[in-house]
Each structure stands twice: as structure tokens, then as C-alpha cells.
All heavy atoms as atom14 arrays in JSON, in Angstrom:
{
  "sequence": "LRLYPPLSRIDRTVTKPIDLNGLKLDYNMRIAIPASGLHHD",
  "atom14_mask": [
    [1, 1, 1, 1, 1, 1, 1, 1, 0, 0, 0, 0, 0, 0],
    [1, 1, 1, 1, 1, 1, 1, 1, 1, 1, 1, 0, 0, 0],
    [1, 1, 1, 1, 1, 1, 1, 1, 0, 0, 0, 0, 0, 0],
    [1, 1, 1, 1, 1, 1, 1, 1, 1, 1, 1, 1, 0, 0],
    [1, 1, 1, 1, 1, 1, 1, 0, 0, 0, 0, 0, 0, 0],
    [1, 1, 1, 1, 1, 1, 1, 0, 0, 0, 0, 0, 0, 0],
    [1, 1, 1, 1, 1, 1, 1, 1, 0, 0, 0, 0, 0, 0],
    [1, 1, 1, 1, 1, 1, 0, 0, 0, 0, 0, 0, 0, 0],
    [1, 1, 1, 1, 1, 1, 1, 1, 1, 1, 1, 0, 0, 0],
    [1, 1, 1, 1, 1, 1, 1, 1, 0, 0, 0, 0, 0, 0],
    [1, 1, 1, 1, 1, 1, 1, 1, 0, 0, 0, 0, 0, 0],
    [1, 1, 1, 1, 1, 1, 1, 1, 1, 1, 1, 0, 0, 0],
    [1, 1, 1, 1, 1, 1, 1, 0, 0, 0, 0, 0, 0, 0],
    [1, 1, 1, 1, 1, 1, 1, 0, 0, 0, 0, 0, 0, 0],
    [1, 1, 1, 1, 1, 1, 1, 0, 0, 0, 0, 0, 0, 0],
    [1, 1, 1, 1, 1, 1, 1, 1, 1, 0, 0, 0, 0, 0],
    [1, 1, 1, 1, 1, 1, 1, 0, 0, 0, 0, 0, 0, 0],
    [1, 1, 1, 1, 1, 1, 1, 1, 0, 0, 0, 0, 0, 0],
    [1, 1, 1, 1, 1, 1, 1, 1, 0, 0, 0, 0, 0, 0],
    [1, 1, 1, 1, 1, 1, 1, 1, 0, 0, 0, 0, 0, 0],
    [1, 1, 1, 1, 1, 1, 1, 1, 0, 0, 0, 0, 0, 0],
    [1, 1, 1, 1, 0, 0, 0, 0, 0, 0, 0, 0, 0, 0],
    [1, 1, 1, 1, 1, 1, 1, 1, 0, 0, 0, 0, 0, 0],
    [1, 1, 1, 1, 1, 1, 1, 1, 1, 0, 0, 0, 0, 0],
    [1, 1, 1, 1, 1, 1, 1, 1, 0, 0, 0, 0, 0, 0],
    [1, 1, 1, 1, 1, 1, 1, 1, 0, 0, 0, 0, 0, 0],
    [1, 1, 1, 1, 1, 1, 1, 1, 1, 1, 1, 1, 0, 0],
    [1, 1, 1, 1, 1, 1, 1, 1, 0, 0, 0, 0, 0, 0],
    [1, 1, 1, 1, 1, 1, 1, 1, 0, 0, 0, 0, 0, 0],
    [1, 1, 1, 1, 1, 1, 1, 1, 1, 1, 1, 0, 0, 0],
    [1, 1, 1, 1, 1, 1, 1, 1, 0, 0, 0, 0, 0, 0],
    [1, 1, 1, 1, 1, 0, 0, 0, 0, 0, 0, 0, 0, 0],
    [1, 1, 1, 1, 1, 1, 1, 1, 0, 0, 0, 0, 0, 0],
    [1, 1, 1, 1, 1, 1, 1, 0, 0, 0, 0, 0, 0, 0],
    [1, 1, 1, 1, 1, 0, 0, 0, 0, 0, 0, 0, 0, 0],
    [1, 1, 1, 1, 1, 1, 0, 0, 0, 0, 0, 0, 0, 0],
    [1, 1, 1, 1, 0, 0, 0, 0, 0, 0, 0, 0, 0, 0],
    [1, 1, 1, 1, 1, 1, 1, 1, 0, 0, 0, 0, 0, 0],
    [1, 1, 1, 1, 1, 1, 1, 1, 1, 1, 0, 0, 0, 0],
    [1, 1, 1, 1, 1, 1, 1, 1, 1, 1, 0, 0, 0, 0],
    [1, 1, 1, 1, 1, 1, 1, 1, 0, 0, 0, 0, 0, 0]
  ],
  "atom14_positions": [
    [[83.0, -82.15, -9.37], [82.97, -82.33, -7.93], [81.98, -83.41, -7.5], [82.15, -84.03, -6.46], [82.61, -81.0, -7.24], [83.71, -79.94, -7.23], [83.17, -78.6, -6.77], [84.87, -80.38, -6.36], [0.0, 0.0, 0.0], [0.0, 0.0, 0.0], [0.0, 0.0, 0.0], [0.0, 0.0, 0.0], [0.0, 0.0, 0.0], [0.0, 0.0, 0.0]],
    [[80.95, -83.62, -8.3], [80.05, -84.74, -8.0], [80.76, -86.07, -8.18], [80.76, -86.94, -7.31], [78.8, -84.72, -8.89], [77.85, -85.9, -8.61], [76.89, -86.16, -9.74], [77.54, -86.68, -10.94], [77.87, -87.95, -11.13], [77.69, -88.86, -10.19], [78.43, -88.32, -12.27], [0.0, 0.0, 0.0], [0.0, 0.0, 0.0], [0.0, 0.0, 0.0]],
    [[81.4, -86.22, -9.33], [82.04, -87.49, -9.66], [83.32, -87.7, -8.85], [83.65, -88.84, -8.49], [82.35, -87.52, -11.16], [82.73, -88.85, -11.8], [81.67, -89.93, -11.51], [82.9, -88.68, -13.3], [0.0, 0.0, 0.0], [0.0, 0.0, 0.0], [0.0, 0.0, 0.0], [0.0, 0.0, 0.0], [0.0, 0.0, 0.0], [0.0, 0.0, 0.0]],
    [[84.0, -86.61, -8.55], [85.29, -86.7, -7.82], [85.31, -85.74, -6.64], [86.07, -84.76, -6.64], [86.44, -86.38, -8.77], [86.5, -87.22, -10.02], [86.09, -86.7, -11.25], [86.98, -88.53, -9.97], [86.16, -87.47, -12.41], [87.04, -89.3, -11.12], [86.63, -88.77, -12.33], [86.7, -89.54, -13.48], [0.0, 0.0, 0.0], [0.0, 0.0, 0.0]],
    [[84.51, -85.96, -5.61], [84.57, -85.06, -4.45], [85.92, -85.18, -3.75], [86.4, -86.31, -3.53], [83.44, -85.57, -3.55], [83.26, -87.02, -3.93], [83.56, -87.08, -5.4], [0.0, 0.0, 0.0], [0.0, 0.0, 0.0], [0.0, 0.0, 0.0], [0.0, 0.0, 0.0], [0.0, 0.0, 0.0], [0.0, 0.0, 0.0], [0.0, 0.0, 0.0]],
    [[86.57, -84.07, -3.4], [87.89, -84.15, -2.75], [87.88, -84.99, -1.48], [88.81, -85.76, -1.24], [88.22, -82.69, -2.46], [87.43, -81.91, -3.45], [86.16, -82.69, -3.65], [0.0, 0.0, 0.0], [0.0, 0.0, 0.0], [0.0, 0.0, 0.0], [0.0, 0.0, 0.0], [0.0, 0.0, 0.0], [0.0, 0.0, 0.0], [0.0, 0.0, 0.0]],
    [[86.83, -84.84, -0.67], [86.67, -85.63, 0.55], [85.48, -86.55, 0.39], [84.44, -86.15, -0.16], [86.46, -84.73, 1.77], [87.68, -83.95, 2.24], [87.26, -82.95, 3.32], [88.75, -84.88, 2.78], [0.0, 0.0, 0.0], [0.0, 0.0, 0.0], [0.0, 0.0, 0.0], [0.0, 0.0, 0.0], [0.0, 0.0, 0.0], [0.0, 0.0, 0.0]],
    [[85.61, -87.78, 0.87], [84.54, -88.76, 0.67], [83.41, -88.63, 1.67], [82.34, -89.18, 1.46], [85.12, -90.18, 0.75], [85.63, -90.42, 2.05], [0.0, 0.0, 0.0], [0.0, 0.0, 0.0], [0.0, 0.0, 0.0], [0.0, 0.0, 0.0], [0.0, 0.0, 0.0], [0.0, 0.0, 0.0], [0.0, 0.0, 0.0], [0.0, 0.0, 0.0]],
    [[83.64, -87.89, 2.78], [82.61, -87.8, 3.81], [82.71, -86.48, 4.57], [83.74, -85.81, 4.53], [82.72, -88.97, 4.79], [84.04, -89.02, 5.5], [84.2, -90.3, 6.29], [84.14, -90.09, 7.73], [84.4, -91.02, 8.62], [84.7, -92.25, 8.25], [84.32, -90.76, 9.9], [0.0, 0.0, 0.0], [0.0, 0.0, 0.0], [0.0, 0.0, 0.0]],
    [[81.64, -86.14, 5.25], [81.57, -84.96, 6.1], [81.39, -85.45, 7.54], [80.52, -86.29, 7.8], [80.38, -84.07, 5.7], [80.54, -83.61, 4.25], [80.23, -82.89, 6.64], [79.28, -83.04, 3.66], [0.0, 0.0, 0.0], [0.0, 0.0, 0.0], [0.0, 0.0, 0.0], [0.0, 0.0, 0.0], [0.0, 0.0, 0.0], [0.0, 0.0, 0.0]],
    [[82.19, -84.94, 8.45], [82.14, -85.41, 9.83], [81.65, -84.32, 10.77], [81.98, -83.14, 10.61], [83.53, -85.86, 10.28], [83.95, -87.16, 9.64], [83.44, -88.2, 10.06], [84.79, -87.14, 8.7], [0.0, 0.0, 0.0], [0.0, 0.0, 0.0], [0.0, 0.0, 0.0], [0.0, 0.0, 0.0], [0.0, 0.0, 0.0], [0.0, 0.0, 0.0]],
    [[80.88, -84.73, 11.76], [80.41, -83.86, 12.83], [80.44, -84.63, 14.15], [80.49, -85.86, 14.15], [78.98, -83.38, 12.57], [78.81, -82.49, 11.35], [79.4, -81.11, 11.58], [79.1, -80.19, 10.49], [79.86, -80.02, 9.43], [80.97, -80.73, 9.29], [79.53, -79.15, 8.48], [0.0, 0.0, 0.0], [0.0, 0.0, 0.0], [0.0, 0.0, 0.0]],
    [[80.39, -83.9, 15.25], [80.2, -84.52, 16.56], [78.95, -83.94, 17.21], [78.57, -82.79, 16.93], [81.4, -84.3, 17.5], [81.63, -82.89, 17.62], [82.65, -84.95, 16.95], [0.0, 0.0, 0.0], [0.0, 0.0, 0.0], [0.0, 0.0, 0.0], [0.0, 0.0, 0.0], [0.0, 0.0, 0.0], [0.0, 0.0, 0.0], [0.0, 0.0, 0.0]],
    [[78.33, -84.72, 18.05], [77.12, -84.28, 18.75], [77.56, -83.34, 19.88], [78.3, -83.73, 20.78], [76.34, -85.47, 19.32], [75.12, -84.97, 20.1], [75.9, -86.4, 18.2], [0.0, 0.0, 0.0], [0.0, 0.0, 0.0], [0.0, 0.0, 0.0], [0.0, 0.0, 0.0], [0.0, 0.0, 0.0], [0.0, 0.0, 0.0], [0.0, 0.0, 0.0]],
    [[77.1, -82.09, 19.8], [77.45, -81.1, 20.83], [76.37, -80.97, 21.9], [76.64, -80.48, 23.0], [77.71, -79.73, 20.19], [76.6, -79.39, 19.34], [78.97, -79.78, 19.34], [0.0, 0.0, 0.0], [0.0, 0.0, 0.0], [0.0, 0.0, 0.0], [0.0, 0.0, 0.0], [0.0, 0.0, 0.0], [0.0, 0.0, 0.0], [0.0, 0.0, 0.0]],
    [[75.14, -81.39, 21.56], [74.05, -81.43, 22.54], [73.22, -82.68, 22.24], [72.88, -82.92, 21.06], [73.16, -80.19, 22.43], [73.82, -78.91, 22.9], [72.81, -77.78, 23.11], [72.27, -77.28, 21.79], [71.4, -76.09, 21.98], [0.0, 0.0, 0.0], [0.0, 0.0, 0.0], [0.0, 0.0, 0.0], [0.0, 0.0, 0.0], [0.0, 0.0, 0.0]],
    [[72.89, -83.5, 23.25], [72.12, -84.74, 23.0], [70.82, -84.45, 22.26], [70.19, -83.41, 22.45], [71.85, -85.26, 24.41], [72.95, -84.68, 25.25], [73.21, -83.32, 24.67], [0.0, 0.0, 0.0], [0.0, 0.0, 0.0], [0.0, 0.0, 0.0], [0.0, 0.0, 0.0], [0.0, 0.0, 0.0], [0.0, 0.0, 0.0], [0.0, 0.0, 0.0]],
    [[70.43, -85.39, 21.41], [69.23, -85.21, 20.6], [68.74, -86.58, 20.14], [69.53, -87.53, 20.02], [69.53, -84.31, 19.37], [68.26, -83.95, 18.62], [70.56, -84.96, 18.45], [68.48, -82.94, 17.48], [0.0, 0.0, 0.0], [0.0, 0.0, 0.0], [0.0, 0.0, 0.0], [0.0, 0.0, 0.0], [0.0, 0.0, 0.0], [0.0, 0.0, 0.0]],
    [[67.44, -86.7, 19.88], [66.88, -87.9, 19.27], [66.8, -87.67, 17.77], [66.24, -86.67, 17.31], [65.48, -88.19, 19.81], [65.51, -88.86, 21.17], [66.63, -89.1, 21.67], [64.44, -89.13, 21.73], [0.0, 0.0, 0.0], [0.0, 0.0, 0.0], [0.0, 0.0, 0.0], [0.0, 0.0, 0.0], [0.0, 0.0, 0.0], [0.0, 0.0, 0.0]],
    [[67.39, -88.58, 17.01], [67.38, -88.49, 15.55], [66.59, -89.66, 15.0], [67.05, -90.81, 15.03], [68.81, -88.51, 14.99], [68.94, -88.34, 13.48], [68.58, -86.91, 13.07], [70.36, -88.67, 13.02], [0.0, 0.0, 0.0], [0.0, 0.0, 0.0], [0.0, 0.0, 0.0], [0.0, 0.0, 0.0], [0.0, 0.0, 0.0], [0.0, 0.0, 0.0]],
    [[65.38, -89.37, 14.54], [64.54, -90.42, 13.95], [64.37, -91.61, 14.92], [64.38, -92.76, 14.51], [65.14, -90.9, 12.63], [64.1, -91.46, 11.69], [62.96, -90.97, 11.65], [64.46, -92.48, 10.94], [0.0, 0.0, 0.0], [0.0, 0.0, 0.0], [0.0, 0.0, 0.0], [0.0, 0.0, 0.0], [0.0, 0.0, 0.0], [0.0, 0.0, 0.0]],
    [[64.22, -91.3, 16.21], [64.02, -92.34, 17.22], [65.28, -92.88, 17.85], [65.22, -93.68, 18.79], [0.0, 0.0, 0.0], [0.0, 0.0, 0.0], [0.0, 0.0, 0.0], [0.0, 0.0, 0.0], [0.0, 0.0, 0.0], [0.0, 0.0, 0.0], [0.0, 0.0, 0.0], [0.0, 0.0, 0.0], [0.0, 0.0, 0.0], [0.0, 0.0, 0.0]],
    [[66.45, -92.46, 17.35], [67.72, -92.92, 17.91], [68.31, -91.83, 18.79], [68.51, -90.7, 18.35], [68.7, -93.26, 16.78], [70.11, -93.7, 17.22], [70.05, -95.03, 17.96], [71.03, -93.8, 16.01], [0.0, 0.0, 0.0], [0.0, 0.0, 0.0], [0.0, 0.0, 0.0], [0.0, 0.0, 0.0], [0.0, 0.0, 0.0], [0.0, 0.0, 0.0]],
    [[68.61, -92.17, 20.05], [69.18, -91.2, 20.96], [70.67, -91.03, 20.68], [71.44, -92.01, 20.69], [68.98, -91.65, 22.41], [69.5, -90.64, 23.43], [69.3, -91.14, 24.86], [69.86, -90.13, 25.86], [69.71, -90.62, 27.26], [0.0, 0.0, 0.0], [0.0, 0.0, 0.0], [0.0, 0.0, 0.0], [0.0, 0.0, 0.0], [0.0, 0.0, 0.0]],
    [[71.08, -89.81, 20.43], [72.48, -89.49, 20.18], [73.04, -88.74, 21.38], [72.54, -87.67, 21.74], [72.62, -88.65, 18.9], [72.06, -89.24, 17.61], [72.31, -88.29, 16.44], [72.64, -90.6, 17.33], [0.0, 0.0, 0.0], [0.0, 0.0, 0.0], [0.0, 0.0, 0.0], [0.0, 0.0, 0.0], [0.0, 0.0, 0.0], [0.0, 0.0, 0.0]],
    [[74.06, -89.29, 21.99], [74.65, -88.69, 23.17], [75.76, -87.7, 22.8], [76.3, -87.72, 21.69], [75.23, -89.78, 24.08], [74.14, -90.7, 24.61], [73.04, -90.19, 24.93], [74.39, -91.93, 24.68], [0.0, 0.0, 0.0], [0.0, 0.0, 0.0], [0.0, 0.0, 0.0], [0.0, 0.0, 0.0], [0.0, 0.0, 0.0], [0.0, 0.0, 0.0]],
    [[76.11, -86.89, 23.77], [77.18, -85.9, 23.59], [78.47, -86.57, 23.12], [78.86, -87.63, 23.6], [77.44, -85.17, 24.92], [78.64, -84.27, 24.89], [78.6, -83.04, 24.22], [79.83, -84.65, 25.5], [79.71, -82.21, 24.18], [80.95, -83.83, 25.47], [80.88, -82.61, 24.81], [81.99, -81.81, 24.76], [0.0, 0.0, 0.0], [0.0, 0.0, 0.0]],
    [[79.11, -85.95, 22.15], [80.42, -86.35, 21.61], [80.36, -87.56, 20.69], [81.4, -88.06, 20.25], [81.42, -86.62, 22.74], [82.83, -86.27, 22.32], [83.05, -85.31, 21.57], [83.81, -87.03, 22.79], [0.0, 0.0, 0.0], [0.0, 0.0, 0.0], [0.0, 0.0, 0.0], [0.0, 0.0, 0.0], [0.0, 0.0, 0.0], [0.0, 0.0, 0.0]],
    [[79.15, -88.04, 20.37], [79.05, -89.15, 19.41], [79.46, -88.66, 18.03], [79.18, -87.53, 17.64], [77.63, -89.7, 19.38], [77.47, -90.94, 18.5], [75.78, -91.62, 18.57], [75.8, -92.34, 20.21], [0.0, 0.0, 0.0], [0.0, 0.0, 0.0], [0.0, 0.0, 0.0], [0.0, 0.0, 0.0], [0.0, 0.0, 0.0], [0.0, 0.0, 0.0]],
    [[80.15, -89.5, 17.28], [80.65, -89.13, 15.94], [79.59, -89.41, 14.88], [78.99, -90.5, 14.85], [81.91, -89.94, 15.64], [82.61, -89.59, 14.34], [83.34, -88.29, 14.4], [84.39, -88.27, 15.41], [85.63, -88.68, 15.2], [85.99, -89.18, 14.03], [86.53, -88.6, 16.16], [0.0, 0.0, 0.0], [0.0, 0.0, 0.0], [0.0, 0.0, 0.0]],
    [[79.38, -88.42, 14.01], [78.43, -88.53, 12.91], [79.19, -88.36, 11.6], [80.07, -87.51, 11.49], [77.34, -87.43, 12.99], [76.67, -87.43, 14.37], [76.31, -87.61, 11.89], [75.9, -88.67, 14.7], [0.0, 0.0, 0.0], [0.0, 0.0, 0.0], [0.0, 0.0, 0.0], [0.0, 0.0, 0.0], [0.0, 0.0, 0.0], [0.0, 0.0, 0.0]],
    [[78.85, -89.16, 10.58], [79.48, -89.05, 9.26], [78.41, -89.05, 8.17], [77.42, -89.79, 8.27], [80.47, -90.19, 9.04], [0.0, 0.0, 0.0], [0.0, 0.0, 0.0], [0.0, 0.0, 0.0], [0.0, 0.0, 0.0], [0.0, 0.0, 0.0], [0.0, 0.0, 0.0], [0.0, 0.0, 0.0], [0.0, 0.0, 0.0], [0.0, 0.0, 0.0]],
    [[78.62, -88.24, 7.17], [77.72, -88.16, 6.01], [78.51, -88.59, 4.79], [79.5, -87.94, 4.42], [77.17, -86.74, 5.84], [76.33, -86.36, 7.07], [76.33, -86.63, 4.58], [75.99, -84.89, 7.16], [0.0, 0.0, 0.0], [0.0, 0.0, 0.0], [0.0, 0.0, 0.0], [0.0, 0.0, 0.0], [0.0, 0.0, 0.0], [0.0, 0.0, 0.0]],
    [[78.12, -89.7, 4.14], [78.92, -90.27, 3.05], [78.71, -89.55, 1.72], [78.0, -90.04, 0.83], [78.41, -91.71, 2.98], [76.98, -91.62, 3.43], [76.94, -90.52, 4.46], [0.0, 0.0, 0.0], [0.0, 0.0, 0.0], [0.0, 0.0, 0.0], [0.0, 0.0, 0.0], [0.0, 0.0, 0.0], [0.0, 0.0, 0.0], [0.0, 0.0, 0.0]],
    [[79.34, -88.41, 1.55], [79.15, -87.6, 0.35], [79.47, -88.38, -0.92], [78.74, -88.32, -1.91], [80.02, -86.34, 0.43], [0.0, 0.0, 0.0], [0.0, 0.0, 0.0], [0.0, 0.0, 0.0], [0.0, 0.0, 0.0], [0.0, 0.0, 0.0], [0.0, 0.0, 0.0], [0.0, 0.0, 0.0], [0.0, 0.0, 0.0], [0.0, 0.0, 0.0]],
    [[80.55, -89.14, -0.9], [80.94, -89.9, -2.09], [79.88, -90.93, -2.47], [79.6, -91.15, -3.65], [82.28, -90.6, -1.83], [82.74, -91.25, -2.98], [0.0, 0.0, 0.0], [0.0, 0.0, 0.0], [0.0, 0.0, 0.0], [0.0, 0.0, 0.0], [0.0, 0.0, 0.0], [0.0, 0.0, 0.0], [0.0, 0.0, 0.0], [0.0, 0.0, 0.0]],
    [[79.26, -91.56, -1.46], [78.18, -92.5, -1.74], [76.97, -91.83, -2.33], [76.38, -92.32, -3.32], [0.0, 0.0, 0.0], [0.0, 0.0, 0.0], [0.0, 0.0, 0.0], [0.0, 0.0, 0.0], [0.0, 0.0, 0.0], [0.0, 0.0, 0.0], [0.0, 0.0, 0.0], [0.0, 0.0, 0.0], [0.0, 0.0, 0.0], [0.0, 0.0, 0.0]],
    [[76.56, -90.7, -1.76], [75.42, -89.95, -2.28], [75.66, -89.5, -3.71], [74.77, -89.57, -4.56], [75.15, -88.74, -1.39], [74.62, -89.02, 0.02], [74.85, -87.81, 0.92], [73.15, -89.4, -0.01], [0.0, 0.0, 0.0], [0.0, 0.0, 0.0], [0.0, 0.0, 0.0], [0.0, 0.0, 0.0], [0.0, 0.0, 0.0], [0.0, 0.0, 0.0]],
    [[76.89, -89.04, -3.99], [77.21, -88.53, -5.33], [77.2, -89.61, -6.39], [77.09, -89.3, -7.59], [78.61, -87.89, -5.31], [78.66, -86.58, -4.59], [79.72, -85.71, -4.7], [77.78, -85.99, -3.74], [79.49, -84.64, -3.95], [78.32, -84.79, -3.35], [0.0, 0.0, 0.0], [0.0, 0.0, 0.0], [0.0, 0.0, 0.0], [0.0, 0.0, 0.0]],
    [[77.32, -90.87, -5.99], [77.35, -91.98, -6.94], [76.1, -92.84, -6.88], [76.08, -93.95, -7.41], [78.6, -92.84, -6.7], [79.88, -92.18, -7.08], [80.52, -91.27, -6.27], [80.65, -92.29, -8.2], [81.63, -90.86, -6.87], [81.72, -91.44, -8.03], [0.0, 0.0, 0.0], [0.0, 0.0, 0.0], [0.0, 0.0, 0.0], [0.0, 0.0, 0.0]],
    [[75.06, -92.32, -6.26], [73.81, -93.08, -6.11], [72.96, -92.9, -7.37], [72.55, -91.78, -7.69], [73.05, -92.56, -4.89], [71.85, -93.44, -4.53], [71.33, -94.13, -5.43], [71.44, -93.43, -3.36], [0.0, 0.0, 0.0], [0.0, 0.0, 0.0], [0.0, 0.0, 0.0], [0.0, 0.0, 0.0], [0.0, 0.0, 0.0], [0.0, 0.0, 0.0]]
  ]
}
């Protein structure tokens, strides 16, 4: 599963505004986590 993850990324949407590491994220903004990239780092 590390070498061959079925999905290459994990997706979320912002449900409540928040500051992430100094970046303001507004409601409904799309967030992606590149699982395939992390697994091959």
C-alpha cells in the first residue's frame, strides 16, 4: 500500500474558516494531501 496506494491523494473541504501556518483558509476551499508523493519520498 505504500508503494501502490489505491488513491493518490486525500481530499477535504474547509467547513469552518481557519488560519493554517499563517495562510487564511476560507469556507469551502479545497484541500488535498498528496499521499502518493509522501509514500515515494
